Amino acid sequence: MSLSKPLDTASTQTPTPHPTTRSGARRILLWDLPLRVFHWSLLAAVTTAIVSGKIGGDLMGIHAKAGLAIVGLVAFRLVWGLVGSTHSRFSHFLPTPARILAYVQGRWQGVGHNPLGALSVFGLLGVLAVQAGMGLFTNDDIAFLGPLASLVSESWQQKLTGYHHQLANLLFVLIGLHVLAIVFYARAKKDNLVKPMVTGWKETPLGESTRGGGPVVFGVSVALAALAVCAANGVFLSPDTPAAKDPAPDTSVTAKTADAADAAEPASAAASAGASQTTAPAW
């Protein structure tokens, strides 16, 4: 089986690779099936994580499962961004300064993620990776203990729990900007970004259909993502691994201080006795 063929059943819907529409635009396969499944699965996992995390309580178990799903999905996207189909690869839409400048000046031409959209993609993937990663070590002292929490001390568990809550605010901002960009392109530029992410197809006068990312590459990406989920869930931890503890306080300074205080007590007592003898009246 050839690896050059994109893994997408939609590629069999038309007998020609680039059918032309009445407007002169060509119909190309922009997003392959694995990328589209990843996108909507990530949306579902993030939504579930946000809702369950806000409600808390008995839903924290669902929150944990959603977090593991995010770990697997982000891991898959990182691998697919290196070896997947052409439009899915990071090298295709890397937001270099030259590309960003060309886009701002209106000179950028291409298909797929534009340079500003690429910044959004990398920002969301980065924040989600860090957010889900910290969640593995969190401890709310009530109903949730991260699967890898035993690898860090209790003080670090509390720190990472705080960071986990704070970083959620940045995630909300990035999601909001992402949605606003989609609405702006649909209303102002008459460019529907959602439809190609559903069907895979886009009508455009530029670019070629995505290539590569065959079944073998897809299988390897899924396998590596599954390994990431297993590692995040503590599957590879030895049951005999001792829980990390906070470092013991330095008792040497305390001991020296106590010894100095003990040594000072006789001298203080003698000085007090001498003072009382000096000031006592003569009878």
Foldseek 3Di string as FASTA:
>chain_A
DDQWAAQAPCCPVDPDQWDADPVRFTKAQQDGPVVLVLVVLLVVLVVLLVVLVVVDDPSVVVNLVSLLSLLLSLLLLVLCLPFNWDLSHCVNAVQDVVQVVCVVVVNDDDDHQRNVSSVLVVVLSVLSNLLSLLQQQADPVPPDGHLCVLAAAPVVNPVSNVVSVVSVVVNVVSVVVVVVVQVCCCPPVVDHPVVCSVSSMDTGNDDGHITGHDPVSSVVSSVSSVVSSCVSNVVPPDPPDGGDHDDDDDCPVVVVVVVVVVVVVVVVVVVVVVVCVVPPDDD
